[in-house]
């Protein structure tokens, strides 16, 4: 799942240290920073991806992203930039939380699959990933229906 959220980048220069503070208006409490613009952007991707992944794992609704033109940087020198998040890739790298699921399949299918050495968990994960290629709006709508 790929998402894009606007973030406010605010430069600072205090006691000889320079950098950027990054805040995501749509993700309450999600903020980070970096010593350079590049580092701040990298940290922003990481912080927002972690925020979104935690929300998904906790069964919470993912906030819809604001339009960039609706987000305003109030402080001098601050600017708004879009940050791209690849939640699937982030989850593969940072989440090892597993959930046990019980499912039912026909006995004949189970017997044949076991004889073939099928990895049931791997097949189920691949099928689920293939089936959830939904837009962020659809994912939010699905979570709201729960």
C-alpha atoms as a PDB file:
ATOM      1  CA  UNK A   1       0.000   0.000   0.000  1.00  0.00           C
ATOM      2  CA  UNK A   2       1.420   3.335  -1.049  1.00  0.00           C
ATOM      3  CA  UNK A   3       0.222   6.570   0.518  1.00  0.00           C
ATOM      4  CA  UNK A   4       1.097  10.255   0.213  1.00  0.00           C
ATOM      5  CA  UNK A   5       0.715  12.738   3.082  1.00  0.00           C
ATOM      6  CA  UNK A   6       1.570  16.426   3.290  1.00  0.00           C
ATOM      7  CA  UNK A   7       4.130  17.403   5.906  1.00  0.00           C
ATOM      8  CA  UNK A   8       5.286  20.759   7.201  1.00  0.00           C
ATOM      9  CA  UNK A   9       9.069  21.204   7.177  1.00  0.00           C
ATOM     10  CA  UNK A  10      10.263  23.976   9.491  1.00  0.00           C
ATOM     11  CA  UNK A  11      13.945  24.950   9.451  1.00  0.00           C
ATOM     12  CA  UNK A  12      15.742  25.809  12.677  1.00  0.00           C
ATOM     13  CA  UNK A  13      19.075  27.333  13.528  1.00  0.00           C
ATOM     14  CA  UNK A  14      19.707  27.278  17.277  1.00  0.00           C
ATOM     15  CA  UNK A  15      23.058  27.458  19.035  1.00  0.00           C
ATOM     16  CA  UNK A  16      24.882  26.738  15.782  1.00  0.00           C
ATOM     17  CA  UNK A  17      22.829  23.622  15.047  1.00  0.00           C
ATOM     18  CA  UNK A  18      20.743  23.625  11.910  1.00  0.00           C
ATOM     19  CA  UNK A  19      18.091  21.271  10.702  1.00  0.00           C
ATOM     20  CA  UNK A  20      14.409  20.733  10.066  1.00  0.00           C
ATOM     21  CA  UNK A  21      11.467  19.756  12.218  1.00  0.00           C
ATOM     22  CA  UNK A  22       8.790  17.802  10.332  1.00  0.00           C
ATOM     23  CA  UNK A  23       5.144  17.576  11.393  1.00  0.00           C
ATOM     24  CA  UNK A  24       2.293  15.631   9.760  1.00  0.00           C
ATOM     25  CA  UNK A  25      -0.959  17.533  10.369  1.00  0.00           C
ATOM     26  CA  UNK A  26      -3.079  14.479   9.456  1.00  0.00           C
ATOM     27  CA  UNK A  27      -1.230  12.106  11.795  1.00  0.00           C
ATOM     28  CA  UNK A  28      -1.679  13.349  15.391  1.00  0.00           C
ATOM     29  CA  UNK A  29       1.573  13.345  17.320  1.00  0.00           C
ATOM     30  CA  UNK A  30       3.664  12.275  14.328  1.00  0.00           C
ATOM     31  CA  UNK A  31       6.719  14.494  14.126  1.00  0.00           C
ATOM     32  CA  UNK A  32      10.411  14.046  13.512  1.00  0.00           C
ATOM     33  CA  UNK A  33      13.394  15.972  12.188  1.00  0.00           C
ATOM     34  CA  UNK A  34      16.820  15.882  10.682  1.00  0.00           C
ATOM     35  CA  UNK A  35      20.076  17.793  10.453  1.00  0.00           C
ATOM     36  CA  UNK A  36      19.628  18.298   6.690  1.00  0.00           C
ATOM     37  CA  UNK A  37      16.666  18.415   4.349  1.00  0.00           C
ATOM     38  CA  UNK A  38      17.533  14.969   2.993  1.00  0.00           C
ATOM     39  CA  UNK A  39      17.769  13.471   6.463  1.00  0.00           C
ATOM     40  CA  UNK A  40      14.540  15.182   7.522  1.00  0.00           C
ATOM     41  CA  UNK A  41      12.720  13.716   4.508  1.00  0.00           C
ATOM     42  CA  UNK A  42      14.095  10.239   5.227  1.00  0.00           C
ATOM     43  CA  UNK A  43      13.098  10.507   8.891  1.00  0.00           C
ATOM     44  CA  UNK A  44       9.663  11.798   7.856  1.00  0.00           C
ATOM     45  CA  UNK A  45       9.047   8.725   5.671  1.00  0.00           C
ATOM     46  CA  UNK A  46      10.102   6.467   8.543  1.00  0.00           C
ATOM     47  CA  UNK A  47       8.047   8.234  11.224  1.00  0.00           C
ATOM     48  CA  UNK A  48       4.847   8.432   9.165  1.00  0.00           C
ATOM     49  CA  UNK A  49       5.176   4.845   7.932  1.00  0.00           C
ATOM     50  CA  UNK A  50       5.581   3.663  11.521  1.00  0.00           C
ATOM     51  CA  UNK A  51       2.556   5.709  12.589  1.00  0.00           C
ATOM     52  CA  UNK A  52       0.405   4.231   9.790  1.00  0.00           C
ATOM     53  CA  UNK A  53       1.620   0.642  10.343  1.00  0.00           C
ATOM     54  CA  UNK A  54       0.878   0.862  14.064  1.00  0.00           C
ATOM     55  CA  UNK A  55      -2.624   2.137  13.290  1.00  0.00           C
ATOM     56  CA  UNK A  56      -3.237  -0.731  10.887  1.00  0.00           C
ATOM     57  CA  UNK A  57      -1.936  -3.321  13.367  1.00  0.00           C
ATOM     58  CA  UNK A  58      -4.154  -1.839  16.101  1.00  0.00           C
ATOM     59  CA  UNK A  59      -7.214  -1.963  13.805  1.00  0.00           C
ATOM     60  CA  UNK A  60      -7.585   1.803  13.756  1.00  0.00           C
ATOM     61  CA  UNK A  61      -8.784   3.896  10.842  1.00  0.00           C
ATOM     62  CA  UNK A  62      -6.076   5.446   8.693  1.00  0.00           C
ATOM     63  CA  UNK A  63      -6.663   9.199   8.405  1.00  0.00           C
ATOM     64  CA  UNK A  64      -7.300  10.474   4.917  1.00  0.00           C
ATOM     65  CA  UNK A  65      -4.538  12.754   3.678  1.00  0.00           C
ATOM     66  CA  UNK A  66      -5.308  16.441   3.311  1.00  0.00           C
ATOM     67  CA  UNK A  67      -4.854  18.116  -0.032  1.00  0.00           C
ATOM     68  CA  UNK A  68      -1.499  19.881  -0.123  1.00  0.00           C
ATOM     69  CA  UNK A  69      -3.183  23.201  -0.937  1.00  0.00           C
ATOM     70  CA  UNK A  70      -5.206  22.928   2.309  1.00  0.00           C
ATOM     71  CA  UNK A  71      -2.093  22.650   4.524  1.00  0.00           C
ATOM     72  CA  UNK A  72      -0.337  25.890   5.422  1.00  0.00           C
ATOM     73  CA  UNK A  73       3.106  26.450   6.895  1.00  0.00           C
ATOM     74  CA  UNK A  74       2.731  29.297   9.365  1.00  0.00           C
ATOM     75  CA  UNK A  75       6.310  29.851  10.566  1.00  0.00           C
ATOM     76  CA  UNK A  76       8.866  31.844   8.617  1.00  0.00           C
ATOM     77  CA  UNK A  77      10.867  29.670   6.224  1.00  0.00           C
ATOM     78  CA  UNK A  78       8.584  26.662   6.697  1.00  0.00           C
ATOM     79  CA  UNK A  79       7.109  24.873   3.690  1.00  0.00           C
ATOM     80  CA  UNK A  80       4.729  22.040   2.898  1.00  0.00           C
ATOM     81  CA  UNK A  81       5.928  19.000   0.970  1.00  0.00           C
ATOM     82  CA  UNK A  82       4.344  15.675   0.073  1.00  0.00           C
ATOM     83  CA  UNK A  83       5.903  12.575   1.611  1.00  0.00           C
ATOM     84  CA  UNK A  84       5.453   9.187  -0.082  1.00  0.00           C
ATOM     85  CA  UNK A  85       4.997   6.138   2.130  1.00  0.00           C
ATOM     86  CA  UNK A  86       5.382   2.516   1.024  1.00  0.00           C
ATOM     87  CA  UNK A  87       3.680   0.702   3.893  1.00  0.00           C
ATOM     88  CA  UNK A  88       4.181  -2.788   2.424  1.00  0.00           C
ATOM     89  CA  UNK A  89       7.941  -2.382   2.170  1.00  0.00           C
ATOM     90  CA  UNK A  90       8.115  -0.692   5.568  1.00  0.00           C
ATOM     91  CA  UNK A  91       6.119  -3.533   7.176  1.00  0.00           C
ATOM     92  CA  UNK A  92       8.434  -6.169   5.682  1.00  0.00           C
ATOM     93  CA  UNK A  93      11.439  -4.394   7.194  1.00  0.00           C
ATOM     94  CA  UNK A  94      10.008  -3.395  10.573  1.00  0.00           C
ATOM     95  CA  UNK A  95       7.130  -5.639  11.578  1.00  0.00           C
ATOM     96  CA  UNK A  96       7.458  -9.199  12.704  1.00  0.00           C
ATOM     97  CA  UNK A  97       4.181  -9.277  14.583  1.00  0.00           C
ATOM     98  CA  UNK A  98       2.311 -12.452  13.636  1.00  0.00           C
ATOM     99  CA  UNK A  99      -1.359 -13.275  14.114  1.00  0.00           C
ATOM    100  CA  UNK A 100      -2.601 -16.835  14.286  1.00  0.00           C
ATOM    101  CA  UNK A 101      -5.620 -17.520  12.070  1.00  0.00           C
ATOM    102  CA  UNK A 102      -7.818 -20.600  11.993  1.00  0.00           C
ATOM    103  CA  UNK A 103      -9.309 -21.447   8.632  1.00  0.00           C
ATOM    104  CA  UNK A 104     -11.229 -24.245   6.980  1.00  0.00           C
ATOM    105  CA  UNK A 105     -10.397 -25.909   3.658  1.00  0.00           C
ATOM    106  CA  UNK A 106     -11.670 -29.138   2.084  1.00  0.00           C
ATOM    107  CA  UNK A 107      -9.928 -32.232   3.455  1.00  0.00           C
ATOM    108  CA  UNK A 108      -8.885 -33.447  -0.008  1.00  0.00           C
ATOM    109  CA  UNK A 109      -7.188 -30.083  -0.671  1.00  0.00           C
ATOM    110  CA  UNK A 110      -5.347 -30.247   2.650  1.00  0.00           C
ATOM    111  CA  UNK A 111      -4.139 -33.805   1.918  1.00  0.00           C
ATOM    112  CA  UNK A 112      -2.871 -32.949  -1.562  1.00  0.00           C
ATOM    113  CA  UNK A 113      -1.238 -29.707  -0.401  1.00  0.00           C
ATOM    114  CA  UNK A 114       0.547 -31.443   2.481  1.00  0.00           C
ATOM    115  CA  UNK A 115       1.842 -34.163   0.114  1.00  0.00           C
ATOM    116  CA  UNK A 116       3.177 -31.400  -2.145  1.00  0.00           C
ATOM    117  CA  UNK A 117       4.890 -29.673   0.794  1.00  0.00           C
ATOM    118  CA  UNK A 118       2.866 -26.487   0.418  1.00  0.00           C
ATOM    119  CA  UNK A 119       3.697 -23.739   2.906  1.00  0.00           C
ATOM    120  CA  UNK A 120       0.163 -22.711   3.924  1.00  0.00           C
ATOM    121  CA  UNK A 121       1.236 -19.500   5.675  1.00  0.00           C
ATOM    122  CA  UNK A 122       3.248 -18.307   2.683  1.00  0.00           C
ATOM    123  CA  UNK A 123       0.434 -19.061   0.217  1.00  0.00           C
ATOM    124  CA  UNK A 124      -2.145 -17.299   2.397  1.00  0.00           C
ATOM    125  CA  UNK A 125       0.073 -14.238   2.842  1.00  0.00           C
ATOM    126  CA  UNK A 126       0.734 -14.004  -0.904  1.00  0.00           C
ATOM    127  CA  UNK A 127      -2.978 -14.367  -1.703  1.00  0.00           C
ATOM    128  CA  UNK A 128      -3.948 -11.733   0.861  1.00  0.00           C
ATOM    129  CA  UNK A 129      -1.361  -9.276  -0.411  1.00  0.00           C
ATOM    130  CA  UNK A 130      -2.552  -9.807  -3.993  1.00  0.00           C
ATOM    131  CA  UNK A 131      -6.171  -9.277  -2.985  1.00  0.00           C
ATOM    132  CA  UNK A 132      -5.752  -6.042  -0.985  1.00  0.00           C
ATOM    133  CA  UNK A 133      -4.438  -3.851  -3.772  1.00  0.00           C
ATOM    134  CA  UNK A 134      -6.969  -1.229  -2.757  1.00  0.00           C
ATOM    135  CA  UNK A 135      -6.606   2.522  -2.732  1.00  0.00           C
ATOM    136  CA  UNK A 136      -6.068   4.261   0.640  1.00  0.00           C
ATOM    137  CA  UNK A 137      -9.629   5.584   0.386  1.00  0.00           C
ATOM    138  CA  UNK A 138     -10.965   2.033  -0.021  1.00  0.00           C
ATOM    139  CA  UNK A 139      -8.839   0.800   2.914  1.00  0.00           C
ATOM    140  CA  UNK A 140     -10.194   3.604   5.125  1.00  0.00           C
ATOM    141  CA  UNK A 141     -13.755   2.825   4.026  1.00  0.00           C
ATOM    142  CA  UNK A 142     -13.269  -0.893   4.765  1.00  0.00           C
ATOM    143  CA  UNK A 143     -11.893  -0.150   8.231  1.00  0.00           C
ATOM    144  CA  UNK A 144     -14.789   2.212   8.998  1.00  0.00           C
ATOM    145  CA  UNK A 145     -17.275  -0.561   8.221  1.00  0.00           C
ATOM    146  CA  UNK A 146     -15.845  -2.793  10.987  1.00  0.00           C
END
